[in-house]
Amino acid sequence: MQVCSTRLQHFLKLYRVPYTLIQHAPTFSSQMTAAAMHIPGKEMAKAVVLEGRAQKYLAVLPASYHVDLGRFAEIVGEPVHLASETTIRELFPDCELGAIPPFGRLYGVPVFLDVALAVGREVVFPAGSHSDAVRMSYQDFEELARPEVCSFAVKDTSLHPVRAQKKGREHP
């Protein structure tokens, strides 16, 4: 069981930022992590790795949202797509797939933060493993991550079985 990404731990210690490391049952989606931690999905940050022609990007948004690739492409000025697992492993070698912390600057990747996540007092995010998360103040997060704050995420209504059924869609 990996605890917190060594790179992330050193980074947080270097800047002497107060944070809490939270261990939870292993989960494999940000929504499941939020549920395991008993917090709303809109308070749990997830990092999505996107790839343009020559640039990689880290899109950080609430767990209960998804990236609108068209909006994101307009923001960065080039078409983007989800990065492959191989690319993600190469960029974030000390992190488990699906548990990327939102500090792209540790890995040479620019960070774009959706405005929906920028309204809270605190932020919770994966610490590099499927069983560990970090809670810190949003202000400290923003100072360390230095994200470009913009609007590219859409609330994922498919996560609500009742709403999905009313629209005639099956809920997986």
C-alpha atoms as a PDB file:
ATOM      1  CA  MET A   1       0.000   0.000   0.000  1.00  0.00           C
ATOM      2  CA  GLN A   2       1.531   3.276  -1.132  1.00  0.00           C
ATOM      3  CA  VAL A   3       0.848   6.107   1.241  1.00  0.00           C
ATOM      4  CA  CYS A   4       1.381   9.587  -0.179  1.00  0.00           C
ATOM      5  CA  SER A   5       3.449  10.272  -3.289  1.00  0.00           C
ATOM      6  CA  THR A   6       6.994  10.958  -2.062  1.00  0.00           C
ATOM      7  CA  ARG A   7       7.244  13.896  -4.442  1.00  0.00           C
ATOM      8  CA  LEU A   8       4.004  15.369  -3.037  1.00  0.00           C
ATOM      9  CA  GLN A   9       5.121  14.860   0.571  1.00  0.00           C
ATOM     10  CA  HIS A  10       8.435  16.660  -0.049  1.00  0.00           C
ATOM     11  CA  PHE A  11       6.635  19.472  -1.858  1.00  0.00           C
ATOM     12  CA  LEU A  12       4.138  20.065   0.961  1.00  0.00           C
ATOM     13  CA  LYS A  13       6.877  19.908   3.600  1.00  0.00           C
ATOM     14  CA  LEU A  14       9.113  22.279   1.632  1.00  0.00           C
ATOM     15  CA  TYR A  15       6.390  24.942   1.597  1.00  0.00           C
ATOM     16  CA  ARG A  16       5.328  24.196   5.185  1.00  0.00           C
ATOM     17  CA  VAL A  17       1.687  24.069   4.271  1.00  0.00           C
ATOM     18  CA  PRO A  18      -0.703  22.609   6.832  1.00  0.00           C
ATOM     19  CA  TYR A  19      -2.577  19.602   5.479  1.00  0.00           C
ATOM     20  CA  THR A  20      -4.193  16.414   6.673  1.00  0.00           C
ATOM     21  CA  LEU A  21      -3.385  13.039   5.139  1.00  0.00           C
ATOM     22  CA  ILE A  22      -6.528  10.899   5.191  1.00  0.00           C
ATOM     23  CA  GLN A  23      -6.467   7.144   4.715  1.00  0.00           C
ATOM     24  CA  HIS A  24      -9.639   5.519   3.408  1.00  0.00           C
ATOM     25  CA  ALA A  25     -10.796   2.237   1.943  1.00  0.00           C
ATOM     26  CA  PRO A  26      -9.326   1.734  -1.543  1.00  0.00           C
ATOM     27  CA  THR A  27     -11.504   3.339  -4.218  1.00  0.00           C
ATOM     28  CA  PHE A  28     -11.176   3.561  -7.959  1.00  0.00           C
ATOM     29  CA  SER A  29     -13.091   6.715  -8.854  1.00  0.00           C
ATOM     30  CA  SER A  30     -13.172  10.179  -7.366  1.00  0.00           C
ATOM     31  CA  GLN A  31     -16.914   9.848  -6.676  1.00  0.00           C
ATOM     32  CA  MET A  32     -16.282   6.615  -4.771  1.00  0.00           C
ATOM     33  CA  THR A  33     -13.519   8.340  -2.811  1.00  0.00           C
ATOM     34  CA  ALA A  34     -15.858  11.191  -1.893  1.00  0.00           C
ATOM     35  CA  ALA A  35     -18.473   8.677  -0.737  1.00  0.00           C
ATOM     36  CA  ALA A  36     -15.897   6.713   1.309  1.00  0.00           C
ATOM     37  CA  MET A  37     -14.820   9.967   2.974  1.00  0.00           C
ATOM     38  CA  HIS A  38     -18.428  11.131   3.488  1.00  0.00           C
ATOM     39  CA  ILE A  39     -17.956  14.370   1.577  1.00  0.00           C
ATOM     40  CA  PRO A  40     -19.973  15.717  -1.374  1.00  0.00           C
ATOM     41  CA  GLY A  41     -18.490  15.016  -4.824  1.00  0.00           C
ATOM     42  CA  LYS A  42     -18.331  18.752  -5.481  1.00  0.00           C
ATOM     43  CA  GLU A  43     -15.729  19.073  -2.678  1.00  0.00           C
ATOM     44  CA  MET A  44     -13.485  16.252  -3.915  1.00  0.00           C
ATOM     45  CA  ALA A  45     -11.002  17.301  -6.595  1.00  0.00           C
ATOM     46  CA  LYS A  46     -10.059  15.002  -9.424  1.00  0.00           C
ATOM     47  CA  ALA A  47      -7.228  15.546 -11.857  1.00  0.00           C
ATOM     48  CA  VAL A  48      -7.757  14.554 -15.491  1.00  0.00           C
ATOM     49  CA  VAL A  49      -4.738  14.348 -17.780  1.00  0.00           C
ATOM     50  CA  LEU A  50      -5.405  15.786 -21.225  1.00  0.00           C
ATOM     51  CA  GLU A  51      -3.169  15.853 -24.258  1.00  0.00           C
ATOM     52  CA  GLY A  52      -2.942  18.371 -27.075  1.00  0.00           C
ATOM     53  CA  ARG A  53      -0.708  18.241 -30.138  1.00  0.00           C
ATOM     54  CA  ALA A  54       2.505  18.920 -28.238  1.00  0.00           C
ATOM     55  CA  GLN A  55       1.385  19.780 -24.702  1.00  0.00           C
ATOM     56  CA  LYS A  56      -0.076  17.829 -21.760  1.00  0.00           C
ATOM     57  CA  TYR A  57      -2.541  19.486 -19.376  1.00  0.00           C
ATOM     58  CA  LEU A  58      -3.925  18.721 -15.937  1.00  0.00           C
ATOM     59  CA  ALA A  59      -7.612  19.598 -15.665  1.00  0.00           C
ATOM     60  CA  VAL A  60      -8.707  19.772 -12.016  1.00  0.00           C
ATOM     61  CA  LEU A  61     -12.434  19.693 -11.294  1.00  0.00           C
ATOM     62  CA  PRO A  62     -14.973  18.412  -8.768  1.00  0.00           C
ATOM     63  CA  ALA A  63     -15.495  14.641  -8.696  1.00  0.00           C
ATOM     64  CA  SER A  64     -19.146  15.096  -9.650  1.00  0.00           C
ATOM     65  CA  TYR A  65     -18.267  16.921 -12.892  1.00  0.00           C
ATOM     66  CA  HIS A  66     -16.683  15.927 -16.195  1.00  0.00           C
ATOM     67  CA  VAL A  67     -14.440  17.827 -18.595  1.00  0.00           C
ATOM     68  CA  ASP A  68     -16.115  19.432 -21.606  1.00  0.00           C
ATOM     69  CA  LEU A  69     -13.299  18.787 -24.087  1.00  0.00           C
ATOM     70  CA  GLY A  70     -14.637  21.439 -26.494  1.00  0.00           C
ATOM     71  CA  ARG A  71     -14.578  24.150 -23.833  1.00  0.00           C
ATOM     72  CA  PHE A  72     -11.137  23.068 -22.679  1.00  0.00           C
ATOM     73  CA  ALA A  73      -9.828  23.139 -26.255  1.00  0.00           C
ATOM     74  CA  GLU A  74     -11.089  26.715 -26.637  1.00  0.00           C
ATOM     75  CA  ILE A  75      -9.247  27.725 -23.458  1.00  0.00           C
ATOM     76  CA  VAL A  76      -5.897  26.209 -24.481  1.00  0.00           C
ATOM     77  CA  GLY A  77      -6.240  26.997 -28.181  1.00  0.00           C
ATOM     78  CA  GLU A  78      -5.788  23.473 -29.504  1.00  0.00           C
ATOM     79  CA  PRO A  79      -7.763  20.228 -29.730  1.00  0.00           C
ATOM     80  CA  VAL A  80      -7.359  17.948 -26.701  1.00  0.00           C
ATOM     81  CA  HIS A  81      -8.163  14.367 -25.795  1.00  0.00           C
ATOM     82  CA  LEU A  82      -7.801  12.167 -22.742  1.00  0.00           C
ATOM     83  CA  ALA A  83      -4.217  11.031 -22.289  1.00  0.00           C
ATOM     84  CA  SER A  84      -3.467   7.325 -22.608  1.00  0.00           C
ATOM     85  CA  GLU A  85      -2.600   5.221 -19.574  1.00  0.00           C
ATOM     86  CA  THR A  86       0.944   4.896 -20.929  1.00  0.00           C
ATOM     87  CA  THR A  87       1.319   8.690 -21.103  1.00  0.00           C
ATOM     88  CA  ILE A  88      -0.082   9.086 -17.579  1.00  0.00           C
ATOM     89  CA  ARG A  89       2.307   6.467 -16.168  1.00  0.00           C
ATOM     90  CA  GLU A  90       5.240   8.248 -17.846  1.00  0.00           C
ATOM     91  CA  LEU A  91       4.201  11.688 -16.533  1.00  0.00           C
ATOM     92  CA  PHE A  92       3.267  10.581 -13.000  1.00  0.00           C
ATOM     93  CA  PRO A  93       5.540   7.584 -12.266  1.00  0.00           C
ATOM     94  CA  ASP A  94       5.091   7.750  -8.487  1.00  0.00           C
ATOM     95  CA  CYS A  95       1.272   7.774  -8.625  1.00  0.00           C
ATOM     96  CA  GLU A  96      -1.320   5.089  -9.172  1.00  0.00           C
ATOM     97  CA  LEU A  97      -3.495   5.516 -12.274  1.00  0.00           C
ATOM     98  CA  GLY A  98      -6.593   7.486 -11.338  1.00  0.00           C
ATOM     99  CA  ALA A  99      -5.050   8.938  -8.184  1.00  0.00           C
ATOM    100  CA  ILE A 100      -3.084  11.889  -9.568  1.00  0.00           C
ATOM    101  CA  PRO A 101      -2.618  14.812  -7.158  1.00  0.00           C
ATOM    102  CA  PRO A 102      -3.569  18.195  -8.657  1.00  0.00           C
ATOM    103  CA  PHE A 103      -0.049  19.649  -8.547  1.00  0.00           C
ATOM    104  CA  GLY A 104       1.021  19.527 -12.173  1.00  0.00           C
ATOM    105  CA  ARG A 105       4.000  21.761 -11.516  1.00  0.00           C
ATOM    106  CA  LEU A 106       5.636  18.822  -9.709  1.00  0.00           C
ATOM    107  CA  TYR A 107       5.573  16.983 -13.021  1.00  0.00           C
ATOM    108  CA  GLY A 108       6.014  19.819 -15.524  1.00  0.00           C
ATOM    109  CA  VAL A 109       2.333  19.902 -16.489  1.00  0.00           C
ATOM    110  CA  PRO A 110       0.259  23.133 -16.430  1.00  0.00           C
ATOM    111  CA  VAL A 111      -2.824  23.053 -14.184  1.00  0.00           C
ATOM    112  CA  PHE A 112      -6.265  24.335 -15.159  1.00  0.00           C
ATOM    113  CA  LEU A 113      -8.782  24.505 -12.313  1.00  0.00           C
ATOM    114  CA  ASP A 114     -12.498  24.669 -12.961  1.00  0.00           C
ATOM    115  CA  VAL A 115     -14.306  27.539 -11.233  1.00  0.00           C
ATOM    116  CA  ALA A 116     -16.738  25.071  -9.617  1.00  0.00           C
ATOM    117  CA  LEU A 117     -13.909  23.889  -7.358  1.00  0.00           C
ATOM    118  CA  ALA A 118     -12.576  27.379  -6.635  1.00  0.00           C
ATOM    119  CA  VAL A 119     -15.485  28.352  -4.380  1.00  0.00           C
ATOM    120  CA  GLY A 120     -14.790  26.169  -1.355  1.00  0.00           C
ATOM    121  CA  ARG A 121     -12.751  26.890   1.747  1.00  0.00           C
ATOM    122  CA  GLU A 122     -11.012  23.521   1.573  1.00  0.00           C
ATOM    123  CA  VAL A 123     -10.037  21.050  -1.115  1.00  0.00           C
ATOM    124  CA  VAL A 124      -9.614  17.290  -0.854  1.00  0.00           C
ATOM    125  CA  PHE A 125      -7.657  15.388  -3.487  1.00  0.00           C
ATOM    126  CA  PRO A 126      -5.875  12.072  -4.131  1.00  0.00           C
ATOM    127  CA  ALA A 127      -2.392  11.791  -2.672  1.00  0.00           C
ATOM    128  CA  GLY A 128      -1.070   9.507  -5.398  1.00  0.00           C
ATOM    129  CA  SER A 129      -2.739   6.270  -4.252  1.00  0.00           C
ATOM    130  CA  HIS A 130      -6.247   4.831  -4.239  1.00  0.00           C
ATOM    131  CA  SER A 131      -6.381   4.783  -0.441  1.00  0.00           C
ATOM    132  CA  ASP A 132      -4.955   8.168   0.563  1.00  0.00           C
ATOM    133  CA  ALA A 133      -6.165  11.730   0.179  1.00  0.00           C
ATOM    134  CA  VAL A 134      -5.039  15.169   1.289  1.00  0.00           C
ATOM    135  CA  ARG A 135      -7.227  17.895   2.778  1.00  0.00           C
ATOM    136  CA  MET A 136      -5.919  21.463   2.782  1.00  0.00           C
ATOM    137  CA  SER A 137      -7.211  25.010   2.555  1.00  0.00           C
ATOM    138  CA  TYR A 138      -8.184  26.138  -0.916  1.00  0.00           C
ATOM    139  CA  GLN A 139      -6.021  29.250  -0.499  1.00  0.00           C
ATOM    140  CA  ASP A 140      -2.903  27.157   0.218  1.00  0.00           C
ATOM    141  CA  PHE A 141      -3.742  24.837  -2.666  1.00  0.00           C
ATOM    142  CA  GLU A 142      -4.080  27.738  -5.095  1.00  0.00           C
ATOM    143  CA  GLU A 143      -0.808  29.313  -3.947  1.00  0.00           C
ATOM    144  CA  LEU A 144       1.069  26.029  -4.426  1.00  0.00           C
ATOM    145  CA  ALA A 145      -0.621  24.719  -7.578  1.00  0.00           C
ATOM    146  CA  ARG A 146      -0.725  28.083  -9.381  1.00  0.00           C
ATOM    147  CA  PRO A 147      -3.620  26.974 -11.589  1.00  0.00           C
ATOM    148  CA  GLU A 148      -5.301  28.897 -14.341  1.00  0.00           C
ATOM    149  CA  VAL A 149      -8.860  29.183 -13.041  1.00  0.00           C
ATOM    150  CA  CYS A 150     -11.446  28.911 -15.822  1.00  0.00           C
ATOM    151  CA  SER A 151     -14.716  27.218 -16.751  1.00  0.00           C
ATOM    152  CA  PHE A 152     -14.483  23.882 -18.570  1.00  0.00           C
ATOM    153  CA  ALA A 153     -16.437  21.372 -16.473  1.00  0.00           C
ATOM    154  CA  VAL A 154     -20.031  20.204 -16.640  1.00  0.00           C
ATOM    155  CA  LYS A 155     -21.972  18.680 -13.746  1.00  0.00           C
ATOM    156  CA  ASP A 156     -22.335  14.968 -14.363  1.00  0.00           C
ATOM    157  CA  THR A 157     -26.026  14.245 -13.868  1.00  0.00           C
ATOM    158  CA  SER A 158     -25.563  10.593 -14.809  1.00  0.00           C
ATOM    159  CA  LEU A 159     -24.196  10.066 -11.289  1.00  0.00           C
ATOM    160  CA  HIS A 160     -27.721  10.524  -9.932  1.00  0.00           C
ATOM    161  CA  PRO A 161     -29.742   7.366 -10.675  1.00  0.00           C
ATOM    162  CA  VAL A 162     -33.106   9.067 -10.164  1.00  0.00           C
ATOM    163  CA  ARG A 163     -32.347  11.879 -12.592  1.00  0.00           C
ATOM    164  CA  ALA A 164     -30.826   9.461 -15.091  1.00  0.00           C
ATOM    165  CA  GLN A 165     -33.937   7.258 -15.036  1.00  0.00           C
ATOM    166  CA  LYS A 166     -36.264  10.240 -15.488  1.00  0.00           C
ATOM    167  CA  LYS A 167     -34.360  11.124 -18.645  1.00  0.00           C
ATOM    168  CA  GLY A 168     -34.809   7.579 -19.921  1.00  0.00           C
ATOM    169  CA  ARG A 169     -31.169   6.550 -19.523  1.00  0.00           C
ATOM    170  CA  GLU A 170     -30.048   3.424 -17.777  1.00  0.00           C
ATOM    171  CA  HIS A 171     -27.830   3.927 -14.784  1.00  0.00           C
ATOM    172  CA  PRO A 172     -24.825   1.583 -14.833  1.00  0.00           C
END
